Amino acid sequence: MKSMRVKKFLFLTIFLILNSNALLSDYENTNGQPIEKSFQDLMKWSTSDVETKIDYIDISDEWKNLNLKEDNNYTVWIGHSTFLIKKNNVTILTDPIFSDRASPFKNIGPKRLIPPALNLTDLPNIDFVTVSHNHYDHLDIVSLKEIYKRNPEAVFLVPAGDKKLLKRKGIQNVFEYEWWNGFKTPHVEIIFTPVQHWSKRGLFDRNKSLWGGWFFKFNDYSLFHAGDTGYSNDFKETRSRLGSPKYAFIPIGAYDPEWFMAESHVNPEDAVQIMIDLGAERSFGMHWATFKLTDENTLEPKERLDKAIRNINMKNFIAPSPGSVINLD
């Protein structure tokens, strides 16, 4: 009990630092409402007696049946929001984090519950790296530097305001975008789309860079990675502007207590609604069981997702195991 409270206090200390307000914000959500929590709210959460049950998700080695360099049209969930996607011989890595902690500090902050299903050394050549926003569990600069070192021709796509961070670390081929803009090649168009969230890495940069999802438009069909988000009408707008993706990668974890987290993180039932809003044919849950960020039991997101899809007789939204292979038809 004491150990859990100490860990929670340390996490909330980091959260409080990162949640301190800047004088001015450059960006806001499409509804015009800021996501800000008071010190009183932080203390209410930090002093709660909720005990999280930590169980460890099984990691699959199914990916080892693939030839990651030669095979085509597959996806592997590496953990958290990190997916390896290879579609029509275009290889994409989303929100790559291979570090032990999602934190600005080496020895405190959220520590991985499970290792990455694949190591950096296992990856094929990467064509594109996408980053949804600058929180430490999504923009891991150590991982990005190593990926660039191994893939000097890779293109890094980041939200507006984050390019300078990567450039300062020596990463080249970086392009930053505001919503509805993106990078186009003859093989794929990658478009940055709005979601409901916020950004911050230090004391004075709250919402000084943007946040969003990435929509991958191929010649035959599209894929969508939602990044990190609360529920909003943004997904209906994405469908209206860009059409429905065949596959969607949607967060299902880090939602408890919901009175505190709902604006920033969807629960599994909200995730199902996002899939419906997008009109996606199949969806895959992410952002759970990799780091302990909030109070829900680590395996609860999958349990709630399974119940939610049973309730509406849906079979096309699953929470895959890390390392399992998703075949892209």
Protein backbone atom coordinates (compact mmCIF):
# COMPACT_ATOMS: atom_id res chain seq x y z
CA MET A 1 0.00 0.00 0.00
CA LYS A 2 2.75 2.47 1.00
CA SER A 3 4.85 1.62 -2.05
CA MET A 4 1.89 2.20 -4.37
CA ARG A 5 1.19 5.58 -2.78
CA VAL A 6 4.84 6.64 -3.11
CA LYS A 7 4.85 5.69 -6.80
CA LYS A 8 1.60 7.54 -7.33
CA PHE A 9 2.99 10.62 -5.59
CA LEU A 10 6.10 10.60 -7.78
CA PHE A 11 4.01 10.22 -10.92
CA LEU A 12 1.74 13.06 -9.86
CA THR A 13 4.73 15.25 -9.06
CA ILE A 14 5.80 14.87 -12.69
CA PHE A 15 2.21 15.37 -13.83
CA LEU A 16 1.94 18.56 -11.77
CA ILE A 17 5.14 19.93 -13.29
CA LEU A 18 3.92 19.15 -16.78
CA ASN A 19 0.41 20.43 -16.06
CA SER A 20 1.50 23.86 -14.87
CA ASN A 21 0.03 26.59 -17.05
CA ALA A 22 1.90 28.64 -19.59
CA LEU A 23 0.94 32.27 -19.98
CA LEU A 24 -0.32 31.73 -23.51
CA SER A 25 -1.29 28.67 -25.54
CA ASP A 26 -0.68 28.52 -29.26
CA TYR A 27 -3.17 25.70 -29.91
CA GLU A 28 -6.57 24.59 -28.64
CA ASN A 29 -9.03 21.76 -29.29
CA THR A 30 -11.67 22.13 -31.98
CA ASN A 31 -14.33 22.74 -29.32
CA GLY A 32 -12.34 25.73 -28.04
CA GLN A 33 -12.15 24.28 -24.52
CA PRO A 34 -8.79 23.92 -22.75
CA ILE A 35 -8.01 20.74 -20.81
CA GLU A 36 -6.69 21.99 -17.50
CA LYS A 37 -6.82 20.48 -14.02
CA SER A 38 -6.51 22.40 -10.79
CA PHE A 39 -4.07 21.67 -8.00
CA GLN A 40 -7.08 20.63 -5.89
CA ASP A 41 -8.06 18.05 -8.51
CA LEU A 42 -4.51 16.69 -8.59
CA MET A 43 -4.46 16.38 -4.80
CA LYS A 44 -7.87 14.69 -4.78
CA TRP A 45 -6.55 12.05 -7.18
CA SER A 46 -3.16 11.67 -5.48
CA THR A 47 -4.68 11.10 -2.04
CA SER A 48 -7.29 8.55 -3.16
CA ASP A 49 -6.99 5.03 -1.78
CA VAL A 50 -7.57 3.23 -5.09
CA GLU A 51 -5.35 0.17 -5.39
CA THR A 52 -4.57 -0.83 -8.95
CA LYS A 53 -4.29 -4.53 -9.68
CA ILE A 54 -1.24 -4.95 -11.86
CA ASP A 55 -1.33 -8.00 -14.11
CA TYR A 56 0.99 -8.55 -17.02
CA ILE A 57 -0.28 -9.05 -20.53
CA ASP A 58 1.16 -11.98 -22.46
CA ILE A 59 3.53 -11.11 -25.28
CA SER A 60 3.19 -13.09 -28.48
CA ASP A 61 6.10 -14.19 -30.66
CA GLU A 62 3.82 -14.61 -33.67
CA TRP A 63 5.71 -11.83 -35.42
CA LYS A 64 8.70 -14.16 -35.68
CA ASN A 65 6.77 -16.14 -38.30
CA LEU A 66 7.06 -13.11 -40.58
CA ASN A 67 9.99 -12.00 -42.63
CA LEU A 68 9.62 -8.37 -41.55
CA LYS A 69 11.79 -7.13 -44.41
CA GLU A 70 10.33 -9.23 -47.23
CA ASP A 71 6.71 -9.83 -46.22
CA ASN A 72 4.08 -7.20 -46.90
CA ASN A 73 0.69 -5.95 -45.70
CA TYR A 74 0.90 -6.60 -41.97
CA THR A 75 0.78 -4.74 -38.67
CA VAL A 76 2.37 -5.65 -35.32
CA TRP A 77 1.46 -3.95 -32.03
CA ILE A 78 4.80 -3.38 -30.28
CA GLY A 79 3.20 -1.88 -27.16
CA HIS A 80 1.42 1.27 -25.92
CA SER A 81 0.73 3.33 -29.10
CA THR A 82 3.61 1.88 -31.12
CA PHE A 83 2.68 -0.08 -34.23
CA LEU A 84 4.86 -1.38 -37.01
CA ILE A 85 2.80 -1.07 -40.20
CA LYS A 86 3.88 -2.37 -43.59
CA LYS A 87 1.40 -1.68 -46.35
CA ASN A 88 2.11 -1.83 -50.09
CA ASN A 89 5.83 -1.96 -49.25
CA VAL A 90 5.63 1.29 -47.26
CA THR A 91 6.86 0.81 -43.69
CA ILE A 92 5.53 3.05 -40.91
CA LEU A 93 6.30 3.24 -37.19
CA THR A 94 3.77 5.09 -35.00
CA ASP A 95 4.57 6.87 -31.70
CA PRO A 96 7.70 4.76 -31.15
CA ILE A 97 8.73 4.29 -27.52
CA PHE A 98 11.30 1.62 -26.72
CA SER A 99 12.64 3.22 -23.52
CA ASP A 100 12.11 1.77 -20.04
CA ARG A 101 10.33 4.88 -18.76
CA ALA A 102 7.91 7.43 -20.18
CA SER A 103 9.43 10.33 -18.31
CA PRO A 104 11.83 13.27 -18.55
CA PHE A 105 13.79 11.60 -15.72
CA LYS A 106 15.86 8.43 -15.78
CA ASN A 107 14.89 7.04 -12.40
CA ILE A 108 11.33 8.20 -11.73
CA GLY A 109 8.16 8.28 -13.73
CA PRO A 110 6.05 5.56 -15.40
CA LYS A 111 8.11 2.42 -15.98
CA ARG A 112 7.27 -0.23 -18.54
CA LEU A 113 5.26 -3.17 -17.28
CA ILE A 114 6.26 -5.20 -20.33
CA PRO A 115 9.18 -4.90 -22.74
CA PRO A 116 8.57 -3.92 -26.36
CA ALA A 117 7.32 -6.94 -28.30
CA LEU A 118 10.01 -6.18 -30.88
CA ASN A 119 13.36 -4.57 -30.27
CA LEU A 120 14.75 -1.79 -32.40
CA THR A 121 17.19 -4.30 -33.84
CA ASP A 122 14.29 -6.47 -35.05
CA LEU A 123 12.70 -3.75 -37.18
CA PRO A 124 12.87 -3.65 -40.98
CA ASN A 125 13.90 -0.45 -42.72
CA ILE A 126 11.50 2.32 -41.76
CA ASP A 127 10.12 4.77 -44.33
CA PHE A 128 7.95 6.96 -42.07
CA VAL A 129 7.79 7.70 -38.37
CA THR A 130 4.68 9.47 -37.08
CA VAL A 131 4.35 11.20 -33.70
CA SER A 132 0.90 12.16 -32.40
CA HIS A 133 1.96 14.68 -29.71
CA ASN A 134 4.85 15.51 -27.43
CA HIS A 135 3.98 13.69 -24.18
CA TYR A 136 6.79 11.43 -23.06
CA ASP A 137 4.88 8.19 -23.67
CA HIS A 138 4.39 9.19 -27.33
CA LEU A 139 7.42 11.31 -28.23
CA ASP A 140 10.40 9.38 -26.89
CA ILE A 141 13.39 11.28 -28.16
CA VAL A 142 15.86 8.49 -27.26
CA SER A 143 13.95 6.05 -29.48
CA LEU A 144 13.60 8.60 -32.28
CA LYS A 145 17.35 9.27 -32.29
CA GLU A 146 18.13 5.57 -32.52
CA ILE A 147 15.57 5.03 -35.28
CA TYR A 148 17.11 7.89 -37.27
CA LYS A 149 20.59 6.47 -36.72
CA ARG A 150 19.44 3.14 -38.18
CA ASN A 151 17.23 4.73 -40.88
CA PRO A 152 18.85 7.99 -42.05
CA GLU A 153 16.46 8.21 -45.02
CA ALA A 154 13.32 7.85 -42.89
CA VAL A 155 10.81 10.73 -42.89
CA PHE A 156 9.66 11.95 -39.47
CA LEU A 157 6.19 13.50 -39.33
CA VAL A 158 5.34 15.50 -36.21
CA PRO A 159 2.74 18.03 -35.03
CA ALA A 160 3.32 21.74 -35.61
CA GLY A 161 5.71 23.04 -32.97
CA ASP A 162 7.68 19.81 -32.41
CA LYS A 163 10.09 19.88 -35.35
CA LYS A 164 12.63 21.97 -33.44
CA LEU A 165 12.87 19.36 -30.68
CA LEU A 166 13.90 16.64 -33.12
CA LYS A 167 16.20 18.93 -35.08
CA ARG A 168 18.03 19.90 -31.88
CA LYS A 169 18.79 16.22 -31.36
CA GLY A 170 20.29 15.90 -34.83
CA ILE A 171 17.33 14.18 -36.49
CA GLN A 172 16.88 15.19 -40.13
CA ASN A 173 14.01 14.76 -42.63
CA VAL A 174 11.51 16.19 -40.13
CA PHE A 175 8.24 17.73 -41.32
CA GLU A 176 5.66 19.33 -39.03
CA TYR A 177 1.97 19.88 -39.79
CA GLU A 178 -1.20 21.49 -38.58
CA TRP A 179 -4.51 19.65 -38.86
CA TRP A 180 -5.67 18.51 -42.32
CA ASN A 181 -2.21 18.89 -43.82
CA GLY A 182 0.38 16.22 -44.45
CA PHE A 183 2.98 14.45 -46.56
CA LYS A 184 2.15 12.98 -49.97
CA THR A 185 3.97 10.48 -52.15
CA PRO A 186 2.75 8.45 -55.17
CA HIS A 187 2.21 5.51 -52.80
CA VAL A 188 0.63 7.06 -49.70
CA GLU A 189 -0.71 10.34 -48.36
CA ILE A 190 -0.31 10.85 -44.60
CA ILE A 191 -2.64 13.49 -43.14
CA PHE A 192 -2.62 14.99 -39.64
CA THR A 193 -6.11 15.10 -38.13
CA PRO A 194 -7.64 16.71 -35.01
CA VAL A 195 -8.28 14.85 -31.78
CA GLN A 196 -9.09 16.14 -28.28
CA HIS A 197 -5.95 16.33 -26.16
CA TRP A 198 -3.15 18.71 -25.14
CA SER A 199 0.64 19.02 -25.24
CA LYS A 200 3.44 19.77 -22.82
CA ARG A 201 7.00 18.59 -22.04
CA GLY A 202 8.33 21.26 -19.67
CA LEU A 203 7.30 24.09 -17.38
CA PHE A 204 6.43 26.76 -19.93
CA ASP A 205 5.32 25.04 -23.14
CA ARG A 206 1.75 23.95 -22.49
CA ASN A 207 -0.10 23.70 -25.84
CA LYS A 208 2.80 25.33 -27.65
CA SER A 209 2.75 22.40 -30.07
CA LEU A 210 -0.20 20.60 -31.61
CA TRP A 211 -1.61 17.08 -31.09
CA GLY A 212 -3.59 14.80 -33.35
CA GLY A 213 -4.04 11.52 -35.20
CA TRP A 214 -2.58 10.33 -38.49
CA PHE A 215 -4.66 9.18 -41.46
CA PHE A 216 -2.80 6.98 -43.97
CA LYS A 217 -4.41 7.11 -47.42
CA PHE A 218 -3.23 4.37 -49.76
CA ASN A 219 -4.46 3.81 -53.29
CA ASP A 220 -6.77 0.93 -52.28
CA TYR A 221 -7.82 1.84 -48.72
CA SER A 222 -6.86 3.86 -45.63
CA LEU A 223 -5.67 3.32 -42.07
CA PHE A 224 -6.03 5.63 -39.06
CA HIS A 225 -3.99 5.99 -35.86
CA ALA A 226 -5.76 8.10 -33.24
CA GLY A 227 -2.75 8.88 -31.05
CA ASP A 228 -4.12 9.89 -27.65
CA THR A 229 -7.56 11.44 -27.25
CA GLY A 230 -10.71 12.13 -25.33
CA TYR A 231 -14.02 11.61 -27.07
CA SER A 232 -15.09 14.41 -29.43
CA ASN A 233 -16.80 15.06 -32.74
CA ASP A 234 -13.42 15.14 -34.47
CA PHE A 235 -13.79 11.57 -35.73
CA LYS A 236 -17.05 12.33 -37.49
CA GLU A 237 -15.32 15.27 -39.15
CA THR A 238 -12.39 13.07 -40.15
CA ARG A 239 -14.76 10.64 -41.82
CA SER A 240 -16.58 13.51 -43.54
CA ARG A 241 -13.37 14.97 -44.95
CA LEU A 242 -11.24 11.90 -45.64
CA GLY A 243 -13.64 8.97 -45.82
CA SER A 244 -13.71 5.89 -43.62
CA PRO A 245 -10.50 3.97 -42.91
CA LYS A 246 -10.54 0.22 -43.32
CA TYR A 247 -8.44 -0.21 -40.17
CA ALA A 248 -8.27 2.05 -37.11
CA PHE A 249 -5.91 1.96 -34.13
CA ILE A 250 -7.72 3.47 -31.14
CA PRO A 251 -6.66 3.96 -27.49
CA ILE A 252 -8.66 2.07 -24.85
CA GLY A 253 -6.70 2.68 -21.62
CA ALA A 254 -5.55 5.35 -19.12
CA TYR A 255 -9.07 6.54 -18.25
CA ASP A 256 -9.53 6.04 -14.48
CA PRO A 257 -10.60 8.07 -12.54
CA GLU A 258 -12.89 9.17 -15.33
CA TRP A 259 -13.87 12.43 -13.61
CA PHE A 260 -10.21 13.42 -14.04
CA MET A 261 -9.21 11.72 -17.29
CA ALA A 262 -12.28 11.71 -19.56
CA GLU A 263 -11.42 14.91 -21.42
CA SER A 264 -8.00 13.53 -22.39
CA HIS A 265 -8.40 9.74 -22.58
CA VAL A 266 -11.27 7.64 -23.89
CA ASN A 267 -12.56 4.55 -22.11
CA PRO A 268 -13.29 1.34 -24.08
CA GLU A 269 -16.94 2.26 -24.65
CA ASP A 270 -15.89 5.64 -26.08
CA ALA A 271 -13.36 3.83 -28.26
CA VAL A 272 -16.17 1.74 -29.76
CA GLN A 273 -18.07 4.93 -30.52
CA ILE A 274 -14.98 6.36 -32.23
CA MET A 275 -14.88 3.31 -34.48
CA ILE A 276 -18.54 3.85 -35.33
CA ASP A 277 -17.96 7.57 -35.97
CA LEU A 278 -15.08 6.76 -38.30
CA GLY A 279 -16.98 3.98 -40.06
CA ALA A 280 -13.90 1.76 -39.75
CA GLU A 281 -14.25 -1.86 -40.85
CA ARG A 282 -11.89 -3.17 -38.15
CA SER A 283 -10.31 -1.58 -35.11
CA PHE A 284 -7.51 -2.47 -32.71
CA GLY A 285 -7.12 -1.29 -29.11
CA MET A 286 -3.87 0.32 -27.98
CA HIS A 287 -2.57 2.52 -25.12
CA TRP A 288 -3.08 -0.05 -22.37
CA ALA A 289 -1.12 -2.62 -20.30
CA THR A 290 2.28 -1.15 -21.23
CA PHE A 291 2.68 1.64 -18.65
CA LYS A 292 0.72 2.20 -15.46
CA LEU A 293 -0.48 5.75 -16.05
CA THR A 294 -3.83 5.76 -14.23
CA ASP A 295 -5.91 3.83 -11.68
CA GLU A 296 -7.71 1.12 -13.66
CA ASN A 297 -6.51 -2.46 -13.35
CA THR A 298 -4.02 -3.09 -16.13
CA LEU A 299 -6.13 -5.73 -17.91
CA GLU A 300 -9.47 -3.97 -17.39
CA PRO A 301 -9.47 -2.07 -20.72
CA LYS A 302 -9.60 -5.32 -22.72
CA GLU A 303 -12.29 -6.75 -20.44
CA ARG A 304 -14.44 -3.64 -20.85
CA LEU A 305 -13.84 -3.55 -24.59
CA ASP A 306 -14.85 -7.21 -24.97
CA LYS A 307 -18.04 -6.54 -22.99
CA ALA A 308 -18.84 -3.38 -24.97
CA ILE A 309 -18.58 -5.11 -28.34
CA ARG A 310 -20.63 -8.09 -27.11
CA ASN A 311 -23.38 -5.72 -26.01
CA ILE A 312 -23.82 -4.39 -29.53
CA ASN A 313 -23.02 -7.67 -31.30
CA MET A 314 -19.83 -6.28 -32.83
CA LYS A 315 -16.94 -8.58 -33.68
CA ASN A 316 -14.55 -6.32 -35.51
CA PHE A 317 -12.86 -4.46 -32.62
CA ILE A 318 -10.20 -6.39 -30.69
CA ALA A 319 -7.36 -5.68 -28.30
CA PRO A 320 -4.49 -7.72 -29.77
CA SER A 321 -1.58 -9.11 -27.80
CA PRO A 322 1.75 -7.34 -28.24
CA GLY A 323 3.71 -9.13 -30.91
CA SER A 324 0.70 -10.67 -32.63
CA VAL A 325 0.31 -10.18 -36.36
CA ILE A 326 -2.58 -8.29 -37.93
CA ASN A 327 -2.91 -9.19 -41.60
CA LEU A 328 -3.86 -6.24 -43.79
CA ASP A 329 -6.02 -7.58 -46.61
